[in-house]
Amino acid sequence: MPLSQTAGDSSQAEWHSGFYGAIGARHETRQSVASLTEGRVAGVSKVLRKIPLRVIVYGEDSLIGFTPTIEDLGRNKACCRCFFAVNSEMLAKRPRQPQKQQKGANMEWKTVRKFVEEATRPFLSHIVIDSKHITYCQDSLITEHGTDWMEEPRFKAAYEAGHATGHKFGEMRCEWRVKVLLWAATHAMHLDGDFVECGVNTGVFSRAVMEYTDFSNTNKKFYLLDTYDGIPLQDVSDDVREATREYNKTHHPECYELAKKNFSQFKNALLIRGRVPETLDQIQSDRIAYASIDMNVASTEIAAGEYLWPRLVSGAMIVLDDYNYAWWTGEQRNAWNNFADRHGVQILPLPTGQGLLVKP
């Protein structure tokens, strides 16, 4: 949801406190992003200079986390795609010829490197991260950590299966988030229980999981719950209802027939259409080994969590897609933290923005 302000709004663009303020704490005046970035990217191309930088919420241990917003993407599609949707091949140690972006969004490797160096230097003066070693620059995540797994044929086939489902998220690249889901699903294949996904859309995540695990050749069932028509407006507050309506139009249009087509080869894929929590009782399984939850509404997600928790087998995992974004998932994060406290467990926050919960 578009809940963040622009980087130029100094009243809202200050550093986060606590853990996520690790970088900002280095600056005694807690300067805004706008004042820190002013004049620091003068040599960068005009297109890249227009990118509305958000607060860097983490910048340690060879890992940088930026926070662009959906609102930004809507207003500055070409600019944001330049930086946040660059194919990872462009940022490898031995970059190949970069793929052409849409008009106004073309870039060269040297420009990308220079932008990373110049734009991050004000915030990361105490950290040495050589842009030549950047291996991943997608989905609000920049790192020099290993990404060899992205070249594995099995992963590439699974990721492409999900990416090709006809979603309306543009040039979204979220390989690391998908990797987390595939890892959890692979673990769950060794457990006695079925799979559940709440928040399916066209099947970006679940289709990748089914491809990766060869799900059609298992005895497990995969329950796929969604309205297949966007976020229910009655589930959001008045102040974001109109924004949600527009978001549904652009990102979550009617897709039930498309989803049915995407999963047609899997006889053990069960699409359940309707609003959660009203449809939860259609999950005809009392043993769940894997759950993915991505519904963008705290109350709805917690209702799903409470329903699934007693049915999760020991060792089963819940992957929360919208748990750890510092700029807009506070309500969801707080709700899930309370959920974890009630059940005596902890949620692992991931730099992908996800959260990982394991049933004891």
Protein backbone atom coordinates (compact mmCIF):
# COMPACT_ATOMS: atom_id res chain seq x y z
CA MET A 1 0.00 0.00 0.00
CA PRO A 2 1.26 3.55 -0.76
CA LEU A 3 1.82 4.72 2.79
CA SER A 4 5.21 6.40 2.51
CA GLN A 5 6.15 9.96 1.67
CA THR A 6 8.55 11.11 -1.02
CA ALA A 7 12.23 11.55 -0.29
CA GLY A 8 11.93 15.28 -0.75
CA ASP A 9 9.50 15.59 2.14
CA SER A 10 11.96 16.32 4.93
CA SER A 11 9.20 16.23 7.55
CA GLN A 12 8.60 12.54 6.83
CA ALA A 13 11.88 11.35 5.35
CA GLU A 14 13.92 11.20 8.54
CA TRP A 15 15.88 8.21 9.69
CA HIS A 16 14.08 5.41 11.48
CA SER A 17 15.01 4.89 15.13
CA GLY A 18 16.17 1.73 16.85
CA PHE A 19 17.60 -1.17 14.88
CA TYR A 20 16.56 0.23 11.52
CA GLY A 21 18.27 3.50 12.37
CA ALA A 22 21.70 1.90 12.53
CA ILE A 23 22.85 4.02 9.63
CA GLY A 24 21.06 7.23 10.55
CA ALA A 25 22.42 7.07 14.08
CA ARG A 26 25.82 7.95 12.64
CA HIS A 27 24.49 11.40 11.85
CA GLU A 28 24.03 13.44 15.02
CA THR A 29 21.45 15.75 13.47
CA ARG A 30 19.38 12.87 12.05
CA GLN A 31 19.31 14.66 8.73
CA SER A 32 16.63 13.88 6.19
CA VAL A 33 17.29 11.86 3.08
CA ALA A 34 16.59 14.96 1.03
CA SER A 35 19.35 17.02 2.64
CA LEU A 36 21.83 14.16 2.59
CA THR A 37 21.34 13.33 -1.06
CA GLU A 38 21.29 16.91 -2.31
CA GLY A 39 24.17 17.50 -4.68
CA ARG A 40 25.59 14.01 -4.23
CA VAL A 41 24.37 12.56 -7.50
CA ALA A 42 25.13 15.50 -9.76
CA GLY A 43 27.19 13.38 -12.12
CA VAL A 44 24.57 10.69 -12.59
CA SER A 45 22.30 10.61 -15.63
CA LYS A 46 19.16 12.73 -15.52
CA VAL A 47 16.92 9.68 -15.50
CA LEU A 48 18.62 8.07 -12.51
CA ARG A 49 18.80 11.38 -10.68
CA LYS A 50 14.99 11.50 -10.68
CA ILE A 51 14.65 8.28 -8.69
CA PRO A 52 12.92 9.17 -5.41
CA LEU A 53 15.26 7.54 -2.88
CA ARG A 54 13.67 6.36 0.34
CA VAL A 55 15.25 5.90 3.71
CA ILE A 56 17.92 3.22 3.74
CA VAL A 57 16.65 0.99 6.53
CA TYR A 58 19.68 -1.26 6.71
CA GLY A 59 23.26 -0.95 5.54
CA GLU A 60 25.50 -3.43 7.22
CA ASP A 61 27.25 -6.70 6.43
CA SER A 62 27.32 -6.24 2.65
CA LEU A 63 23.57 -5.67 2.57
CA ILE A 64 21.67 -2.51 1.69
CA GLY A 65 17.91 -2.17 1.92
CA PHE A 66 16.06 0.62 0.13
CA THR A 67 12.37 1.33 0.41
CA PRO A 68 10.64 2.57 -2.76
CA THR A 69 6.88 2.65 -2.61
CA ILE A 70 4.06 1.49 -4.83
CA GLU A 71 3.08 5.15 -5.03
CA ASP A 72 6.52 5.98 -6.41
CA LEU A 73 6.30 3.18 -8.94
CA GLY A 74 2.97 4.53 -10.11
CA ARG A 75 4.31 8.05 -10.59
CA ASN A 76 7.83 7.29 -11.80
CA LYS A 77 7.66 3.91 -13.50
CA ALA A 78 10.58 4.47 -15.86
CA CYS A 79 12.83 5.93 -13.18
CA CYS A 80 12.15 3.28 -10.57
CA ARG A 81 12.45 0.46 -13.06
CA CYS A 82 15.90 1.77 -13.93
CA PHE A 83 17.24 0.99 -10.50
CA PHE A 84 14.94 -1.47 -8.80
CA ALA A 85 14.04 -3.68 -11.77
CA VAL A 86 17.46 -3.95 -13.39
CA ASN A 87 18.16 -7.51 -14.42
CA SER A 88 20.62 -9.04 -11.99
CA GLU A 89 22.89 -10.00 -14.88
CA MET A 90 23.81 -6.34 -15.18
CA LEU A 91 25.14 -6.26 -11.64
CA ALA A 92 27.26 -9.41 -11.69
CA LYS A 93 31.03 -9.23 -11.43
CA ARG A 94 31.30 -9.87 -15.14
CA PRO A 95 28.22 -8.09 -16.46
CA ARG A 96 26.76 -9.07 -19.78
CA GLN A 97 25.22 -6.62 -22.21
CA PRO A 98 22.33 -5.03 -20.28
CA GLN A 99 18.82 -5.65 -21.51
CA LYS A 100 17.07 -2.66 -23.00
CA GLN A 101 14.47 -1.04 -20.79
CA GLN A 102 11.47 0.93 -21.96
CA LYS A 103 11.94 4.38 -23.50
CA GLY A 104 13.61 6.75 -21.08
CA ALA A 105 14.92 3.96 -18.90
CA ASN A 106 17.98 2.73 -20.80
CA MET A 107 21.20 2.60 -18.83
CA GLU A 108 24.76 1.49 -19.04
CA TRP A 109 26.58 -0.66 -16.54
CA LYS A 110 29.00 2.14 -15.63
CA THR A 111 26.12 4.48 -14.87
CA VAL A 112 24.51 1.93 -12.57
CA ARG A 113 27.78 1.42 -10.70
CA LYS A 114 28.31 5.14 -10.36
CA PHE A 115 24.78 5.65 -9.10
CA VAL A 116 25.18 2.96 -6.44
CA GLU A 117 28.47 4.47 -5.32
CA GLU A 118 27.35 8.10 -5.26
CA ALA A 119 23.83 7.62 -3.93
CA THR A 120 24.85 5.40 -1.04
CA ARG A 121 28.04 7.15 0.02
CA PRO A 122 26.35 9.75 2.28
CA PHE A 123 24.63 7.02 4.24
CA LEU A 124 27.31 4.36 4.23
CA SER A 125 30.46 6.30 4.99
CA HIS A 126 31.45 3.74 7.62
CA ILE A 127 30.81 0.79 5.34
CA VAL A 128 32.94 -0.33 2.42
CA ILE A 129 30.86 -2.01 -0.27
CA ASP A 130 32.49 -2.23 -3.66
CA SER A 131 29.86 -1.83 -6.36
CA LYS A 132 31.96 -4.09 -8.58
CA HIS A 133 30.98 -6.95 -6.30
CA ILE A 134 27.24 -6.30 -6.23
CA THR A 135 25.48 -9.53 -7.16
CA TYR A 136 21.84 -8.59 -6.61
CA CYS A 137 19.95 -5.33 -7.03
CA GLN A 138 16.22 -6.04 -7.08
CA ASP A 139 13.13 -5.81 -4.93
CA SER A 140 14.53 -3.13 -2.54
CA LEU A 141 17.61 -5.25 -1.85
CA ILE A 142 21.25 -4.67 -2.78
CA THR A 143 23.93 -7.13 -1.74
CA GLU A 144 27.26 -8.70 -2.67
CA HIS A 145 26.26 -12.06 -1.20
CA GLY A 146 26.31 -15.18 -3.33
CA THR A 147 23.62 -15.71 -5.94
CA ASP A 148 24.89 -18.86 -7.67
CA TRP A 149 21.53 -20.46 -6.94
CA MET A 150 19.91 -18.08 -9.43
CA GLU A 151 21.72 -19.88 -12.24
CA GLU A 152 20.53 -23.34 -11.26
CA PRO A 153 18.30 -24.71 -14.07
CA ARG A 154 15.74 -25.98 -11.57
CA PHE A 155 15.40 -22.57 -9.94
CA LYS A 156 15.28 -20.73 -13.25
CA ALA A 157 12.52 -22.99 -14.54
CA ALA A 158 10.48 -22.55 -11.35
CA TYR A 159 10.94 -18.79 -11.24
CA GLU A 160 9.97 -18.42 -14.88
CA ALA A 161 6.87 -20.57 -14.34
CA GLY A 162 5.68 -18.15 -11.68
CA HIS A 163 6.80 -15.02 -13.49
CA ALA A 164 4.94 -16.07 -16.65
CA THR A 165 1.52 -16.40 -14.99
CA GLY A 166 0.26 -13.11 -16.41
CA HIS A 167 0.54 -10.97 -13.28
CA LYS A 168 0.12 -7.19 -13.46
CA PHE A 169 3.18 -6.17 -11.47
CA GLY A 170 5.14 -4.98 -14.48
CA GLU A 171 8.82 -5.85 -14.57
CA MET A 172 8.87 -7.04 -10.97
CA ARG A 173 11.89 -9.21 -10.14
CA CYS A 174 11.74 -10.96 -6.77
CA GLU A 175 14.11 -13.91 -7.10
CA TRP A 176 15.25 -13.84 -3.47
CA ARG A 177 11.72 -13.85 -2.11
CA VAL A 178 10.86 -16.77 -4.36
CA LYS A 179 14.02 -18.57 -3.21
CA VAL A 180 12.83 -18.33 0.39
CA LEU A 181 9.49 -19.85 -0.57
CA LEU A 182 11.11 -22.66 -2.55
CA TRP A 183 13.40 -23.47 0.37
CA ALA A 184 10.47 -23.63 2.81
CA ALA A 185 8.41 -25.72 0.37
CA THR A 186 11.27 -28.16 -0.20
CA HIS A 187 11.54 -28.64 3.55
CA ALA A 188 7.78 -29.17 3.75
CA MET A 189 7.90 -31.92 1.15
CA HIS A 190 9.53 -34.10 3.81
CA LEU A 191 6.68 -33.48 6.25
CA ASP A 192 3.27 -35.11 6.43
CA GLY A 193 0.81 -32.44 5.37
CA ASP A 194 -0.70 -30.34 2.62
CA PHE A 195 0.16 -26.88 1.31
CA VAL A 196 -1.84 -23.64 1.65
CA GLU A 197 -1.44 -20.22 0.07
CA CYS A 198 -3.62 -17.31 1.13
CA GLY A 199 -3.21 -14.54 -1.41
CA VAL A 200 -2.58 -16.16 -4.79
CA ASN A 201 -3.42 -13.68 -7.55
CA THR A 202 -2.28 -15.33 -10.80
CA GLY A 203 0.00 -17.75 -8.95
CA VAL A 204 3.41 -16.07 -9.05
CA PHE A 205 4.61 -17.78 -5.85
CA SER A 206 2.58 -20.99 -5.76
CA ARG A 207 3.17 -21.80 -9.42
CA ALA A 208 6.92 -21.50 -8.84
CA VAL A 209 6.66 -23.74 -5.78
CA MET A 210 4.71 -26.41 -7.66
CA GLU A 211 7.19 -26.38 -10.52
CA TYR A 212 10.20 -26.60 -8.21
CA THR A 213 8.82 -29.44 -6.07
CA ASP A 214 7.28 -31.42 -8.95
CA PHE A 215 4.05 -31.10 -7.01
CA SER A 216 1.87 -32.97 -9.49
CA ASN A 217 3.72 -36.16 -8.60
CA THR A 218 3.01 -35.95 -4.87
CA ASN A 219 0.06 -37.06 -2.77
CA LYS A 220 -0.19 -33.63 -1.22
CA LYS A 221 -2.85 -31.04 -2.02
CA PHE A 222 -2.25 -27.35 -2.54
CA TYR A 223 -5.12 -25.13 -1.36
CA LEU A 224 -5.05 -21.76 -3.14
CA LEU A 225 -7.27 -19.15 -1.47
CA ASP A 226 -7.95 -15.74 -2.99
CA THR A 227 -10.73 -13.44 -4.12
CA TYR A 228 -8.96 -13.50 -7.50
CA ASP A 229 -10.28 -9.97 -7.81
CA GLY A 230 -8.12 -7.88 -5.49
CA ILE A 231 -8.16 -6.85 -1.84
CA PRO A 232 -11.72 -6.71 -0.42
CA LEU A 233 -12.50 -3.05 0.17
CA GLN A 234 -14.48 -3.84 3.32
CA ASP A 235 -11.26 -5.12 4.89
CA VAL A 236 -9.35 -1.84 4.67
CA SER A 237 -9.79 1.41 6.57
CA ASP A 238 -11.55 4.41 5.10
CA ASP A 239 -8.36 6.40 4.63
CA VAL A 240 -6.86 3.87 2.20
CA ARG A 241 -10.03 2.51 0.60
CA GLU A 242 -9.85 4.63 -2.54
CA ALA A 243 -6.12 3.93 -2.94
CA THR A 244 -6.87 0.23 -2.56
CA ARG A 245 -9.59 0.45 -5.19
CA GLU A 246 -7.09 1.94 -7.64
CA TYR A 247 -4.42 -0.56 -6.64
CA ASN A 248 -6.83 -3.41 -7.35
CA LYS A 249 -7.52 -2.01 -10.81
CA THR A 250 -3.87 -1.80 -11.78
CA HIS A 251 -2.34 -4.76 -9.93
CA HIS A 252 -5.16 -7.15 -8.98
CA PRO A 253 -7.79 -7.20 -11.72
CA GLU A 254 -10.12 -10.16 -12.15
CA CYS A 255 -7.88 -13.19 -12.74
CA TYR A 256 -9.80 -16.31 -11.69
CA GLU A 257 -9.98 -17.84 -15.18
CA LEU A 258 -6.32 -17.05 -15.74
CA ALA A 259 -5.37 -18.68 -12.44
CA LYS A 260 -7.40 -21.78 -13.29
CA LYS A 261 -5.51 -22.02 -16.56
CA ASN A 262 -2.16 -21.58 -14.82
CA PHE A 263 -2.85 -24.50 -12.48
CA SER A 264 -4.81 -26.69 -14.89
CA GLN A 265 -2.03 -29.30 -15.16
CA PHE A 266 -2.04 -29.89 -11.41
CA LYS A 267 -4.93 -32.11 -10.34
CA ASN A 268 -3.95 -31.59 -6.70
CA ALA A 269 -4.21 -27.79 -6.94
CA LEU A 270 -7.49 -26.64 -5.40
CA LEU A 271 -8.51 -23.06 -6.11
CA ILE A 272 -10.84 -21.63 -3.47
CA ARG A 273 -12.44 -18.36 -4.46
CA GLY A 274 -13.78 -15.91 -1.92
CA ARG A 275 -12.91 -13.70 1.00
CA VAL A 276 -10.76 -14.98 3.83
CA PRO A 277 -11.66 -15.85 6.59
CA GLU A 278 -15.03 -16.94 5.18
CA THR A 279 -13.43 -19.54 2.90
CA LEU A 280 -10.97 -21.07 5.36
CA ASP A 281 -13.30 -23.94 6.27
CA GLN A 282 -13.02 -25.13 2.66
CA ILE A 283 -9.50 -26.33 3.46
CA GLN A 284 -10.26 -30.01 3.86
CA SER A 285 -7.06 -30.94 5.65
CA ASP A 286 -6.14 -31.18 9.32
CA ARG A 287 -2.41 -31.52 8.60
CA ILE A 288 -0.63 -28.57 6.95
CA ALA A 289 3.10 -28.64 6.16
CA TYR A 290 3.51 -25.30 4.38
CA ALA A 291 1.69 -21.99 4.28
CA SER A 292 2.33 -18.78 2.37
CA ILE A 293 0.36 -15.71 3.44
CA ASP A 294 0.21 -12.53 1.36
CA MET A 295 -3.10 -10.70 1.70
CA ASN A 296 -1.94 -7.18 2.62
CA VAL A 297 -4.47 -6.81 5.44
CA ALA A 298 -3.49 -7.51 9.04
CA SER A 299 -6.85 -8.74 10.35
CA THR A 300 -7.36 -11.10 7.42
CA GLU A 301 -3.86 -12.53 7.69
CA ILE A 302 -4.16 -13.13 11.42
CA ALA A 303 -7.50 -14.87 10.91
CA ALA A 304 -5.76 -17.22 8.47
CA GLY A 305 -2.89 -17.73 10.89
CA GLU A 306 -5.18 -18.64 13.78
CA TYR A 307 -7.11 -21.10 11.62
CA LEU A 308 -4.00 -22.77 10.26
CA TRP A 309 -1.88 -22.85 13.44
CA PRO A 310 -3.51 -25.87 15.14
CA ARG A 311 -3.43 -27.71 11.81
CA LEU A 312 0.26 -27.09 11.14
CA VAL A 313 2.43 -30.14 11.77
CA SER A 314 5.63 -29.82 13.80
CA GLY A 315 8.31 -28.23 11.64
CA ALA A 316 5.83 -26.64 9.24
CA MET A 317 6.61 -23.10 8.12
CA ILE A 318 4.53 -20.02 7.44
CA VAL A 319 6.16 -17.53 5.06
CA LEU A 320 4.78 -14.01 5.51
CA ASP A 321 5.32 -11.92 2.40
CA ASP A 322 4.63 -8.50 3.90
CA TYR A 323 6.15 -8.76 7.37
CA ASN A 324 9.42 -6.84 7.33
CA TYR A 325 9.01 -3.73 5.20
CA ALA A 326 9.92 -0.82 7.46
CA TRP A 327 7.87 1.75 5.59
CA TRP A 328 4.35 0.33 5.30
CA THR A 329 3.75 -3.02 6.99
CA GLY A 330 3.84 -1.80 10.58
CA GLU A 331 0.26 -2.87 11.29
CA GLN A 332 0.82 -6.32 9.83
CA ARG A 333 4.16 -6.74 11.58
CA ASN A 334 2.70 -5.74 14.95
CA ALA A 335 -0.26 -8.05 14.48
CA TRP A 336 1.99 -10.98 13.61
CA ASN A 337 4.32 -10.23 16.51
CA ASN A 338 1.33 -10.39 18.84
CA PHE A 339 0.29 -13.64 17.19
CA ALA A 340 3.77 -15.08 17.77
CA ASP A 341 3.73 -13.98 21.42
CA ARG A 342 0.38 -15.70 21.99
CA HIS A 343 1.75 -18.94 20.59
CA GLY A 344 5.14 -18.77 22.27
CA VAL A 345 7.24 -18.50 19.10
CA GLN A 346 9.31 -15.89 17.28
CA ILE A 347 9.24 -14.66 13.69
CA LEU A 348 12.50 -14.43 11.76
CA PRO A 349 12.60 -11.08 9.91
CA LEU A 350 14.25 -11.42 6.51
CA PRO A 351 15.98 -8.74 4.39
CA THR A 352 13.63 -9.69 1.55
CA GLY A 353 10.78 -8.08 3.50
CA GLN A 354 9.38 -11.48 4.44
CA GLY A 355 8.96 -13.13 7.82
CA LEU A 356 9.47 -16.82 8.61
CA LEU A 357 7.51 -18.63 11.30
CA VAL A 358 8.12 -22.26 12.29
CA LYS A 359 5.64 -24.46 14.18
CA PRO A 360 7.44 -26.16 17.10
